Structures are given as C-alpha cells and as structure tokens.
C-alpha cells in the first residue's frame, strides 16, 4: 500500500491551494539514511532525498519562493549566519545523527528562532538538539516500527495549519509514536494520531519561543513514502505559512533599562 500511495501521488493529486506569501525556506535533512542507502528503498522513494521531496512539494504550494535544501555534510551543515539571516522558515528532519550536529550551529539556529525565524520540526527531529533546547524537556516518547496504519485526527479545525486538511489523514504504513510525549504544554494541539496497536500521540503541536513560532509534526519515518502523501504535503505547507513572519526584526528579546515615560518621547 505504501508504494501505491507514492505512485498515486506521483501520477496525480495536484495541490489544491497556493499561498500568496513568498517566504524564503530552507529544508534541512541530516541526509545520513540517503548516504548509507538505509533502508534500501529510500533511493526509490526519495530520489532527491527526503529534503528534496519536501522542497519539491513546498515549491508547488509557494510558487516563486526561494526554497533550498541543506544537509549535515555541508560546511556548517549548510546553516551559516548569512543563510539563516535570510531564512523565513527552517524545516528540520533528523534521526540518527543528532549528536553530530555542531553546537555552534545549534546556537545559531536557536538565536534566529528567538529572533523570529519560523521552525518546522519533523518526525524524529523531536530528539534534535535544537528542539530539546527550545522546549527544555527530553522530548522522549514510545515508538515501534512495525509499519502500522496511522490515523491523523484534527482536533483544532479552527487553526490555520488545519485548513483544508482531511480528518483523519490515513497513512497506510508508518512508525508508531505513542504517549507519553515529554514536551511542555503546547500553545496549540492541532492533530492527534492513533495507531493499530491502540496508542495515541500528540502529532501536531505548536510553540512560541521569543519572537519565533515552532510547529512539530510527527509523521514521516524514512521507511515509508509519507512525504508524498498529498494531505501531509498540505499540512507542511500550512505549517510553513503559519510559522513564517515577514518583517520581524531578527533580534531575540533582550533586557532593557528605559527611562521613565520613554514611550512618550518623539
């Protein structure tokens, strides 16, 4: 069924929405599974890597936007100060190389998120250095990779990230994530997933940190062609549009010591 999903999507369902904004988007993927050809099907599922598939889908939703990719193997992991300064939204996919991410790069990304850059963290990125630092918890969870059906239920249909999204999204095969998911109370709980084994999981949540917006979305294991699913692509596009903030001054909130009545000055 997973291959059928990829084939149906490749043949077919065009995105039903495009967005007016043109955010500058960077899709970051550690790229280790692709480099090792693990699983052996990853090259067939994602010829341009997971990051390439996500970037291609976003390009259809954000025509005219500057959408690029970066990986762990790039100098500075592709996340230089100059590049981040010009990035509205960073998407992050990681799995088996969290510890290989430079602390200096994490510091840099952290500062830009606090200053207003949007961050979308995907699947096993819950254990990334950047998300655990921003949330201040272990972000641990239960997991089982038996290729079970996942149903992604919308529980906050009024949220912009849920706009136009079917409920439930049916993912034929996916890694199970289950509670307890050790995260702070989210600003918004948008999606809850259920699995064949009976587990449930808070699969779509938002947070604000400093001036930045964060969206975590759990579907997307490397064993399955989840990022070819049109409804998953819609969620990612909605998430990018929501976390993007144009014109936000890219400086984190700081301590100030103003004189009395400073707000009355010309």
Foldseek 3Di string as FASTA:
>chain_A
DLVVLLVDLVPYDQAPAADPDAFAEEEEEQCPCVVVCVPVCLCVLCVPGPSVLLQVLLCSRRPPHNYYYFHNPDVLSPQDLVVLVRGQEYEYHYADCLVVRDPVSLVSVLLQQLQQREYEYEARSLQHPNNCVQFVKRQDWDKDAPFWKKWKAFPCCVDLLNPPADGTDIDRGFIDTADPGPTPDFPDQTIKMATPVGGIDSAWGWHHHNNFIYIYGHTDDSVGSVSSRSNVSSSVNSSSVVRGDPPRGRGHDDDDDDDPPPVVDD
